């Protein structure tokens, strides 16, 4: 059980790295200054729910606040 949690944690870290470093960081149509970082057309993957999608991601104070389909 611990190995499964460890593997899921590592997978999540890798996905977040891919999202942060592999995506365009242009401004999407949101009010200026609402987020610290905006990633447009980033790939979101969640092994638990088997989600694999392209979306816009809003980050504020180091937390993912919004995920919206483009």
N, C-alpha and C. Protein backbone atom coordinates (compact mmCIF):
# COMPACT_ATOMS: atom_id res chain seq x y z
N UNK A 1 0.82 -1.19 0.00
CA UNK A 1 0.00 0.00 0.00
C UNK A 1 0.87 1.25 0.00
N UNK A 2 1.95 1.25 0.78
CA UNK A 2 2.83 2.41 0.82
C UNK A 2 3.51 2.62 -0.53
N UNK A 3 3.84 1.54 -1.20
CA UNK A 3 4.48 1.65 -2.51
C UNK A 3 3.53 2.30 -3.52
N UNK A 4 2.25 1.98 -3.44
CA UNK A 4 1.27 2.56 -4.36
C UNK A 4 1.14 4.07 -4.11
N UNK A 5 1.09 4.49 -2.83
CA UNK A 5 1.00 5.91 -2.51
C UNK A 5 2.26 6.64 -2.97
N UNK A 6 3.41 6.02 -2.76
CA UNK A 6 4.68 6.62 -3.19
C UNK A 6 4.69 6.79 -4.71
N UNK A 7 4.28 5.78 -5.43
CA UNK A 7 4.24 5.84 -6.89
C UNK A 7 3.27 6.92 -7.37
N UNK A 8 2.13 7.04 -6.72
CA UNK A 8 1.17 8.07 -7.10
C UNK A 8 1.72 9.46 -6.82
N UNK A 9 2.44 9.61 -5.70
CA UNK A 9 3.05 10.91 -5.38
C UNK A 9 4.09 11.29 -6.41
N UNK A 10 4.94 10.36 -6.78
CA UNK A 10 5.96 10.61 -7.79
C UNK A 10 5.31 10.94 -9.13
N UNK A 11 4.25 10.22 -9.47
CA UNK A 11 3.54 10.48 -10.73
C UNK A 11 2.96 11.88 -10.75
N UNK A 12 2.37 12.30 -9.64
CA UNK A 12 1.79 13.64 -9.55
C UNK A 12 2.88 14.70 -9.69
N UNK A 13 4.01 14.51 -9.05
CA UNK A 13 5.12 15.47 -9.16
C UNK A 13 5.60 15.56 -10.60
N UNK A 14 5.74 14.43 -11.27
CA UNK A 14 6.18 14.44 -12.66
C UNK A 14 5.18 15.14 -13.56
N UNK A 15 3.90 14.90 -13.34
CA UNK A 15 2.86 15.55 -14.14
C UNK A 15 2.90 17.06 -13.94
N UNK A 16 3.02 17.49 -12.69
CA UNK A 16 3.08 18.93 -12.43
C UNK A 16 4.30 19.56 -13.08
N UNK A 17 5.44 18.87 -13.06
CA UNK A 17 6.63 19.39 -13.74
C UNK A 17 6.39 19.51 -15.24
N UNK A 18 5.76 18.53 -15.81
CA UNK A 18 5.46 18.59 -17.24
C UNK A 18 4.50 19.73 -17.54
N UNK A 19 3.53 19.93 -16.68
CA UNK A 19 2.57 21.02 -16.89
C UNK A 19 3.27 22.36 -16.80
N UNK A 20 4.10 22.55 -15.77
CA UNK A 20 4.76 23.84 -15.58
C UNK A 20 5.80 24.14 -16.64
N UNK A 21 6.56 23.16 -17.05
CA UNK A 21 7.67 23.42 -17.96
C UNK A 21 7.39 23.09 -19.41
N UNK A 22 6.29 22.43 -19.69
CA UNK A 22 6.01 22.02 -21.05
C UNK A 22 4.87 22.76 -21.72
N UNK A 23 4.41 23.84 -21.11
CA UNK A 23 3.24 24.53 -21.62
C UNK A 23 3.52 25.99 -21.93
N UNK A 24 2.69 26.53 -22.78
CA UNK A 24 2.74 27.96 -23.08
C UNK A 24 2.25 28.74 -21.86
N UNK A 25 2.84 29.89 -21.61
CA UNK A 25 2.43 30.70 -20.46
C UNK A 25 1.87 32.04 -20.90
N UNK A 26 1.14 32.07 -21.97
CA UNK A 26 0.51 33.32 -22.40
C UNK A 26 -0.76 33.55 -21.58
N UNK A 27 -1.25 34.77 -21.62
CA UNK A 27 -2.39 35.15 -20.80
C UNK A 27 -3.70 34.71 -21.45
N UNK A 28 -4.51 33.93 -20.74
CA UNK A 28 -5.82 33.53 -21.26
C UNK A 28 -6.83 34.64 -21.00
N UNK A 29 -8.06 34.49 -21.48
CA UNK A 29 -9.06 35.53 -21.26
C UNK A 29 -9.61 35.53 -19.84
N UNK A 30 -8.81 36.00 -18.88
CA UNK A 30 -9.25 36.18 -17.49
C UNK A 30 -8.88 37.59 -17.07
N UNK A 31 -9.55 38.13 -16.07
CA UNK A 31 -9.19 39.48 -15.63
C UNK A 31 -7.72 39.57 -15.22
N UNK A 32 -7.07 40.65 -15.63
CA UNK A 32 -5.64 40.82 -15.36
C UNK A 32 -5.39 40.87 -13.85
N UNK A 33 -4.35 40.15 -13.42
CA UNK A 33 -3.97 40.14 -12.02
C UNK A 33 -4.72 39.15 -11.15
N UNK A 34 -5.61 38.35 -11.74
CA UNK A 34 -6.37 37.39 -10.94
C UNK A 34 -5.51 36.23 -10.47
N UNK A 35 -4.52 35.82 -11.28
CA UNK A 35 -3.65 34.71 -10.94
C UNK A 35 -2.18 35.15 -10.98
N UNK A 36 -1.34 34.44 -10.21
CA UNK A 36 0.10 34.68 -10.27
C UNK A 36 0.68 34.08 -11.55
N UNK A 37 0.23 32.87 -11.89
CA UNK A 37 0.70 32.16 -13.08
C UNK A 37 -0.52 31.61 -13.81
N UNK A 38 -0.51 31.72 -15.13
CA UNK A 38 -1.56 31.14 -15.95
C UNK A 38 -0.90 30.27 -17.00
N UNK A 39 -1.32 29.03 -17.08
CA UNK A 39 -0.81 28.10 -18.08
C UNK A 39 -1.97 27.81 -19.03
N UNK A 40 -1.79 28.16 -20.30
CA UNK A 40 -2.85 27.91 -21.27
C UNK A 40 -2.55 26.64 -22.06
N UNK A 41 -3.60 25.92 -22.32
CA UNK A 41 -3.53 24.68 -23.09
C UNK A 41 -2.50 23.71 -22.51
N UNK A 42 -2.50 23.58 -21.19
CA UNK A 42 -1.62 22.63 -20.51
C UNK A 42 -2.28 21.27 -20.46
N UNK A 43 -1.49 20.24 -20.37
CA UNK A 43 -2.03 18.89 -20.31
C UNK A 43 -2.19 18.48 -18.85
N UNK A 44 -3.37 18.03 -18.49
CA UNK A 44 -3.68 17.61 -17.14
C UNK A 44 -3.87 16.10 -17.14
N UNK A 45 -3.17 15.45 -16.22
CA UNK A 45 -3.29 13.99 -16.11
C UNK A 45 -3.46 13.63 -14.64
N UNK A 46 -4.47 12.82 -14.34
CA UNK A 46 -4.72 12.35 -12.98
C UNK A 46 -4.94 10.84 -13.05
N UNK A 47 -3.96 10.07 -12.58
CA UNK A 47 -4.08 8.61 -12.67
C UNK A 47 -5.25 8.04 -11.87
N UNK A 48 -5.62 8.71 -10.78
CA UNK A 48 -6.69 8.19 -9.94
C UNK A 48 -8.03 8.22 -10.66
N UNK A 49 -8.32 9.32 -11.36
CA UNK A 49 -9.60 9.43 -12.07
C UNK A 49 -9.45 9.15 -13.56
N UNK A 50 -8.24 8.84 -13.98
CA UNK A 50 -7.91 8.57 -15.39
C UNK A 50 -8.23 9.76 -16.29
N UNK A 51 -8.04 10.96 -15.74
CA UNK A 51 -8.25 12.18 -16.50
C UNK A 51 -7.01 12.47 -17.33
N UNK A 52 -7.21 12.78 -18.59
CA UNK A 52 -6.13 13.18 -19.50
C UNK A 52 -6.75 14.21 -20.44
N UNK A 53 -6.48 15.50 -20.15
CA UNK A 53 -7.16 16.56 -20.89
C UNK A 53 -6.24 17.76 -21.08
N UNK A 54 -6.63 18.61 -22.03
CA UNK A 54 -5.96 19.89 -22.26
C UNK A 54 -6.84 20.95 -21.61
N UNK A 55 -6.22 21.83 -20.79
CA UNK A 55 -7.01 22.85 -20.08
C UNK A 55 -6.15 24.05 -19.75
N UNK A 56 -6.81 25.15 -19.37
CA UNK A 56 -6.13 26.34 -18.86
C UNK A 56 -6.10 26.22 -17.35
N UNK A 57 -4.95 26.57 -16.74
CA UNK A 57 -4.74 26.39 -15.32
C UNK A 57 -4.39 27.73 -14.70
N UNK A 58 -5.10 28.12 -13.65
CA UNK A 58 -4.80 29.35 -12.92
C UNK A 58 -4.18 29.02 -11.58
N UNK A 59 -3.01 29.62 -11.29
CA UNK A 59 -2.29 29.36 -10.05
C UNK A 59 -2.20 30.67 -9.26
N UNK A 60 -2.57 30.62 -7.99
CA UNK A 60 -2.54 31.79 -7.13
C UNK A 60 -1.93 31.38 -5.79
N UNK A 61 -0.91 32.10 -5.35
CA UNK A 61 -0.20 31.81 -4.10
C UNK A 61 0.30 30.38 -4.02
N UNK A 62 0.79 29.85 -5.14
CA UNK A 62 1.37 28.51 -5.17
C UNK A 62 0.37 27.37 -5.21
N UNK A 63 -0.91 27.67 -5.31
CA UNK A 63 -1.94 26.63 -5.37
C UNK A 63 -2.69 26.69 -6.68
N UNK A 64 -3.01 25.53 -7.21
CA UNK A 64 -3.84 25.49 -8.43
C UNK A 64 -5.25 25.85 -8.00
N UNK A 65 -5.73 26.99 -8.48
CA UNK A 65 -7.06 27.49 -8.09
C UNK A 65 -8.14 27.16 -9.09
N UNK A 66 -7.77 27.16 -10.38
CA UNK A 66 -8.77 27.00 -11.42
C UNK A 66 -8.23 26.11 -12.53
N UNK A 67 -9.08 25.22 -13.00
CA UNK A 67 -8.80 24.43 -14.20
C UNK A 67 -10.02 24.57 -15.09
N UNK A 68 -9.80 25.13 -16.29
CA UNK A 68 -10.91 25.42 -17.20
C UNK A 68 -10.58 24.88 -18.58
N UNK A 69 -11.56 24.25 -19.22
CA UNK A 69 -11.37 23.79 -20.60
C UNK A 69 -11.20 25.00 -21.51
N UNK A 70 -10.26 24.92 -22.47
CA UNK A 70 -10.04 26.07 -23.37
C UNK A 70 -11.17 26.29 -24.35
